[in-house]
Amino acid sequence: MTFTRTYAAVLLVALASAAAAAFLHAQTQPQPPVPATAAPPSQVPQPAVRPTPPQPARAVIFLDPAHGGTETGASLGNNMAEKEVVLAFAQRLRAALASANLSVITTRDSDLATPLPTDQRAEAANRAHALACIVIHATASGTGVHLYTSSLPPAPLNDTSGTDATTRFAPTPWESAQTGFVDQSHKLSDVLKATLAKASLPVITGNAPLRPLDNLMCPAVAVEIAPNSAAVSASDNTYQQQIVFAVATAMQMWRDQNTGGAH
């Protein structure tokens, strides 16, 4: 009995020593790397993304270089016809306005074989809902730049006291379509006059029963280019470029005044 107890005690001591040795051996061996745990998506740094701001609609300027085709307009000397001079000016002005982020619609950008009637020119302008309409002419008489607005009187203030729907919603007569925009046209002319004068260009203003001005439903001005002097004709490239710069500047000012500076 004593022998059995002694043998069991020795066996327990041996087993304990072997377990301790195995544990120490395991602790001294290199351990495999613990795989990194991926961070939740919400904790993974993301690159900053800047939202693209919406682009505002560009303001539309409508250009109507007069005449074209068989309708040559006035003779400006040196074998130059009005239709050629106003087309060259319109092409220069169109490029300058586009550079200023203004959209441009024009009745012609080349010499049309058949000129557009004034009614069709007005219809195109009215469909465009333009911020400003500029009818372009040239002349051999006078000097500087002549600005004309419609001679129509401004429309009276709307009388909302009536109840007759026919009266309140009567269509605008074609020959007096400009009446609702005469005041704005005068303001547009004032802006043009100021920028032309600042560019040291002679300028006069007036009004005339000129088509298609009377048919336009937008702020509208006719710009007529006259010689700058006896030596500088309306077709002079440098002179035209001076006018283009002044008119383009005026259109940017007009846009900023009427669209809150959005462009």
Protein backbone atom coordinates (compact mmCIF):
# COMPACT_ATOMS: atom_id res chain seq x y z
CA MET A 1 0.00 0.00 0.00
CA THR A 2 2.85 2.37 0.91
CA PHE A 3 4.62 1.49 -2.37
CA THR A 4 1.55 2.31 -4.44
CA ARG A 5 1.15 5.73 -2.83
CA THR A 6 4.84 6.52 -3.36
CA TYR A 7 4.64 5.49 -7.04
CA ALA A 8 1.58 7.69 -7.67
CA ALA A 9 3.24 10.72 -6.11
CA VAL A 10 6.35 10.26 -8.24
CA LEU A 11 4.17 9.92 -11.40
CA LEU A 12 2.26 13.16 -10.64
CA VAL A 13 5.51 15.04 -10.14
CA ALA A 14 6.83 13.75 -13.46
CA LEU A 15 3.67 14.70 -15.35
CA ALA A 16 3.67 18.20 -13.83
CA SER A 17 7.31 18.69 -14.82
CA ALA A 18 6.60 17.58 -18.41
CA ALA A 19 3.62 19.95 -18.72
CA ALA A 20 5.66 22.85 -17.39
CA ALA A 21 8.47 22.11 -19.84
CA ALA A 22 6.03 21.92 -22.77
CA PHE A 23 4.47 25.27 -21.77
CA LEU A 24 7.88 26.98 -21.52
CA HIS A 25 8.91 25.54 -24.92
CA ALA A 26 5.79 26.87 -26.55
CA GLN A 27 6.34 30.35 -25.15
CA THR A 28 9.88 30.51 -26.57
CA GLN A 29 8.81 29.61 -30.16
CA PRO A 30 8.06 32.38 -32.71
CA GLN A 31 4.33 32.95 -32.98
CA PRO A 32 2.55 33.38 -36.34
CA PRO A 33 1.47 36.96 -37.00
CA VAL A 34 -2.08 37.81 -36.04
CA PRO A 35 -3.98 38.96 -39.15
CA ALA A 36 -5.00 42.60 -38.97
CA THR A 37 -8.68 43.21 -38.59
CA ALA A 38 -10.11 45.53 -41.29
CA ALA A 39 -11.63 48.68 -39.93
CA PRO A 40 -15.34 49.14 -40.50
CA PRO A 41 -16.09 51.16 -43.63
CA SER A 42 -17.13 54.11 -41.51
CA GLN A 43 -13.66 54.21 -39.94
CA VAL A 44 -11.66 53.90 -43.18
CA PRO A 45 -10.39 57.35 -44.26
CA GLN A 46 -12.01 58.40 -47.55
CA PRO A 47 -10.62 60.94 -50.01
CA ALA A 48 -12.36 64.30 -49.87
CA VAL A 49 -14.80 64.84 -52.73
CA ARG A 50 -15.70 68.38 -53.69
CA PRO A 51 -19.23 68.63 -55.07
CA THR A 52 -19.45 70.29 -58.48
CA PRO A 53 -21.55 73.43 -58.15
CA PRO A 54 -24.41 73.69 -60.63
CA GLN A 55 -23.60 75.88 -63.61
CA PRO A 56 -26.02 78.77 -64.05
CA ALA A 57 -27.68 79.22 -67.41
CA ARG A 58 -25.78 81.59 -69.67
CA ALA A 59 -27.47 84.86 -70.60
CA VAL A 60 -28.55 85.11 -74.24
CA ILE A 61 -27.72 88.10 -76.42
CA PHE A 62 -29.52 88.26 -79.76
CA LEU A 63 -27.66 89.87 -82.70
CA ASP A 64 -29.33 90.94 -85.92
CA PRO A 65 -26.83 92.14 -88.55
CA ALA A 66 -29.13 93.89 -90.99
CA HIS A 67 -29.64 93.11 -94.67
CA GLY A 68 -27.87 90.29 -96.53
CA GLY A 69 -28.02 88.67 -99.94
CA THR A 70 -29.61 90.87 -102.57
CA GLU A 71 -30.53 93.38 -99.87
CA THR A 72 -27.18 95.17 -99.68
CA GLY A 73 -28.19 98.15 -97.57
CA ALA A 74 -26.43 101.49 -97.82
CA SER A 75 -23.30 102.06 -99.90
CA LEU A 76 -20.43 102.99 -97.59
CA GLY A 77 -17.84 103.85 -100.23
CA ASN A 78 -14.75 101.95 -101.30
CA ASN A 79 -17.06 99.33 -102.83
CA MET A 80 -18.26 98.39 -99.35
CA ALA A 81 -21.92 97.54 -98.81
CA GLU A 82 -23.65 97.92 -95.46
CA LYS A 83 -24.46 94.19 -95.34
CA GLU A 84 -20.72 93.35 -95.40
CA VAL A 85 -19.73 95.89 -92.75
CA VAL A 86 -22.42 94.86 -90.26
CA LEU A 87 -21.68 91.16 -90.78
CA ALA A 88 -17.97 91.67 -90.04
CA PHE A 89 -18.88 93.65 -86.93
CA ALA A 90 -21.39 91.01 -85.78
CA GLN A 91 -18.80 88.25 -86.15
CA ARG A 92 -16.31 90.18 -84.02
CA LEU A 93 -18.95 90.99 -81.42
CA ARG A 94 -20.15 87.41 -81.27
CA ALA A 95 -16.63 86.18 -80.45
CA ALA A 96 -16.19 88.83 -77.75
CA LEU A 97 -19.54 88.02 -76.12
CA ALA A 98 -18.80 84.29 -76.15
CA SER A 99 -15.47 84.97 -74.41
CA ALA A 100 -17.46 86.78 -71.71
CA ASN A 101 -19.60 83.64 -71.16
CA LEU A 102 -22.61 85.10 -72.92
CA SER A 103 -24.64 82.93 -75.25
CA VAL A 104 -25.19 84.47 -78.66
CA ILE A 105 -27.94 83.87 -81.20
CA THR A 106 -27.64 85.63 -84.53
CA THR A 107 -29.90 85.93 -87.54
CA ARG A 108 -26.95 85.30 -89.83
CA ASP A 109 -23.25 84.52 -89.59
CA SER A 110 -22.68 84.61 -93.34
CA ASP A 111 -24.10 86.40 -96.35
CA LEU A 112 -27.41 84.64 -96.94
CA ALA A 113 -28.54 84.22 -100.53
CA THR A 114 -32.04 85.24 -99.48
CA PRO A 115 -32.25 87.80 -96.68
CA LEU A 116 -34.58 87.10 -93.78
CA PRO A 117 -37.67 89.32 -93.67
CA THR A 118 -37.86 91.57 -90.62
CA ASP A 119 -40.83 89.64 -89.27
CA GLN A 120 -38.81 86.41 -89.24
CA ARG A 121 -35.92 88.18 -87.53
CA ALA A 122 -38.28 89.41 -84.81
CA GLU A 123 -39.87 85.98 -84.42
CA ALA A 124 -36.43 84.40 -83.90
CA ALA A 125 -35.53 87.02 -81.29
CA ASN A 126 -38.82 86.61 -79.43
CA ARG A 127 -38.42 82.83 -79.27
CA ALA A 128 -34.94 83.27 -77.77
CA HIS A 129 -36.22 85.19 -74.71
CA ALA A 130 -33.03 87.22 -74.96
CA LEU A 131 -31.56 89.35 -72.21
CA ALA A 132 -30.82 91.97 -74.88
CA CYS A 133 -31.39 92.32 -78.62
CA ILE A 134 -29.00 94.33 -80.77
CA VAL A 135 -29.88 95.26 -84.33
CA ILE A 136 -26.75 96.25 -86.25
CA HIS A 137 -26.62 98.87 -89.02
CA ALA A 138 -23.92 101.00 -90.65
CA THR A 139 -23.96 104.35 -92.40
CA ALA A 140 -21.65 106.67 -94.30
CA SER A 141 -23.17 109.80 -92.75
CA GLY A 142 -22.47 111.32 -89.36
CA THR A 143 -19.75 110.23 -86.97
CA GLY A 144 -19.36 107.77 -84.15
CA VAL A 145 -21.95 105.27 -82.97
CA HIS A 146 -25.67 105.98 -83.20
CA LEU A 147 -27.98 104.24 -80.74
CA TYR A 148 -31.69 104.01 -81.52
CA THR A 149 -34.57 102.70 -79.47
CA SER A 150 -38.15 102.26 -80.60
CA SER A 151 -40.28 105.40 -80.90
CA LEU A 152 -43.26 103.53 -79.43
CA PRO A 153 -44.52 104.86 -76.08
CA PRO A 154 -44.09 102.63 -73.02
CA ALA A 155 -47.02 100.39 -72.21
CA PRO A 156 -49.33 101.77 -69.49
CA LEU A 157 -49.32 100.07 -66.13
CA ASN A 158 -51.57 97.02 -66.06
CA ASP A 159 -54.99 97.69 -64.61
CA THR A 160 -55.81 94.65 -62.50
CA SER A 161 -59.11 96.03 -61.26
CA GLY A 162 -61.05 94.76 -64.26
CA THR A 163 -62.66 91.36 -64.35
CA ASP A 164 -62.97 90.95 -68.10
CA ALA A 165 -60.58 88.12 -69.02
CA THR A 166 -60.59 89.24 -72.65
CA THR A 167 -59.30 92.67 -71.61
CA ARG A 168 -56.72 91.40 -69.14
CA PHE A 169 -55.25 88.73 -71.40
CA ALA A 170 -55.55 90.33 -74.83
CA PRO A 171 -52.66 89.40 -77.19
CA THR A 172 -50.00 92.01 -77.87
CA PRO A 173 -50.36 93.61 -81.32
CA TRP A 174 -47.42 92.68 -83.55
CA GLU A 175 -46.65 96.24 -84.60
CA SER A 176 -46.40 97.39 -80.98
CA ALA A 177 -44.81 94.32 -79.34
CA GLN A 178 -41.94 96.46 -78.05
CA THR A 179 -44.18 98.67 -75.90
CA GLY A 180 -43.79 96.43 -72.85
CA PHE A 181 -39.99 96.69 -73.08
CA VAL A 182 -39.46 100.35 -74.03
CA ASP A 183 -38.34 101.39 -70.54
CA GLN A 184 -35.82 98.53 -70.39
CA SER A 185 -34.61 99.39 -73.88
CA HIS A 186 -33.90 102.96 -72.77
CA LYS A 187 -31.89 101.62 -69.82
CA LEU A 188 -29.96 99.32 -72.13
CA SER A 189 -29.21 102.26 -74.41
CA ASP A 190 -27.92 104.24 -71.42
CA VAL A 191 -25.52 101.43 -70.48
CA LEU A 192 -24.24 101.23 -74.07
CA LYS A 193 -23.85 105.00 -74.27
CA ALA A 194 -21.81 105.09 -71.05
CA THR A 195 -19.37 102.38 -72.11
CA LEU A 196 -18.93 103.85 -75.59
CA ALA A 197 -18.25 107.29 -74.11
CA LYS A 198 -15.76 105.77 -71.67
CA ALA A 199 -13.94 104.30 -74.68
CA SER A 200 -13.71 107.83 -76.12
CA LEU A 201 -16.05 106.97 -78.98
CA PRO A 202 -18.51 109.61 -80.20
CA VAL A 203 -22.05 108.47 -79.51
CA ILE A 204 -25.54 109.87 -80.03
CA THR A 205 -28.89 108.44 -78.99
CA GLY A 206 -32.36 108.74 -80.42
CA ASN A 207 -35.50 106.83 -81.24
CA ALA A 208 -36.98 105.78 -84.55
CA PRO A 209 -39.85 103.72 -85.97
CA LEU A 210 -37.36 101.10 -87.06
CA ARG A 211 -38.22 97.50 -87.81
CA PRO A 212 -37.72 95.01 -86.34
CA LEU A 213 -37.29 97.05 -83.14
CA ASP A 214 -41.04 97.66 -82.82
CA ASN A 215 -41.71 93.90 -83.04
CA LEU A 216 -39.18 92.74 -80.46
CA MET A 217 -40.26 91.48 -77.05
CA CYS A 218 -36.93 92.10 -75.31
CA PRO A 219 -34.79 95.10 -74.33
CA ALA A 220 -33.67 96.19 -77.81
CA VAL A 221 -31.33 98.78 -79.28
CA ALA A 222 -30.19 99.44 -82.84
CA VAL A 223 -26.45 100.11 -83.05
CA GLU A 224 -25.55 102.03 -86.19
CA ILE A 225 -21.85 102.39 -86.97
CA ALA A 226 -20.87 105.65 -88.65
CA PRO A 227 -17.33 106.77 -89.61
CA ASN A 228 -15.15 107.81 -86.70
CA SER A 229 -13.64 110.59 -88.79
CA ALA A 230 -13.06 111.51 -92.42
CA ALA A 231 -10.11 109.10 -92.40
CA VAL A 232 -11.68 106.23 -90.43
CA SER A 233 -14.65 104.54 -92.07
CA ALA A 234 -17.22 102.24 -90.50
CA SER A 235 -15.39 99.26 -91.99
CA ASP A 236 -12.05 100.06 -90.33
CA ASN A 237 -10.92 96.97 -88.39
CA THR A 238 -9.37 98.82 -85.45
CA TYR A 239 -12.36 101.12 -85.13
CA GLN A 240 -14.78 98.21 -85.20
CA GLN A 241 -12.77 96.39 -82.55
CA GLN A 242 -12.98 99.45 -80.27
CA ILE A 243 -16.75 99.43 -80.60
CA VAL A 244 -16.89 95.68 -80.05
CA PHE A 245 -14.97 95.98 -76.80
CA ALA A 246 -17.28 98.73 -75.52
CA VAL A 247 -20.46 96.88 -76.51
CA ALA A 248 -19.22 93.60 -74.99
CA THR A 249 -18.41 95.44 -71.76
CA ALA A 250 -21.89 96.95 -71.74
CA MET A 251 -23.48 93.53 -72.22
CA GLN A 252 -21.55 92.13 -69.26
CA MET A 253 -22.73 95.06 -67.13
CA TRP A 254 -26.29 94.57 -68.37
CA ARG A 255 -26.12 90.87 -67.50
CA ASP A 256 -24.84 91.57 -64.01
CA GLN A 257 -27.55 94.16 -63.40
CA ASN A 258 -30.31 91.83 -64.52
CA THR A 259 -29.17 88.40 -63.34
CA GLY A 260 -27.64 89.22 -59.99
CA GLY A 261 -24.12 88.75 -61.37
CA ALA A 262 -24.66 85.04 -62.15
CA HIS A 263 -22.61 83.88 -65.14
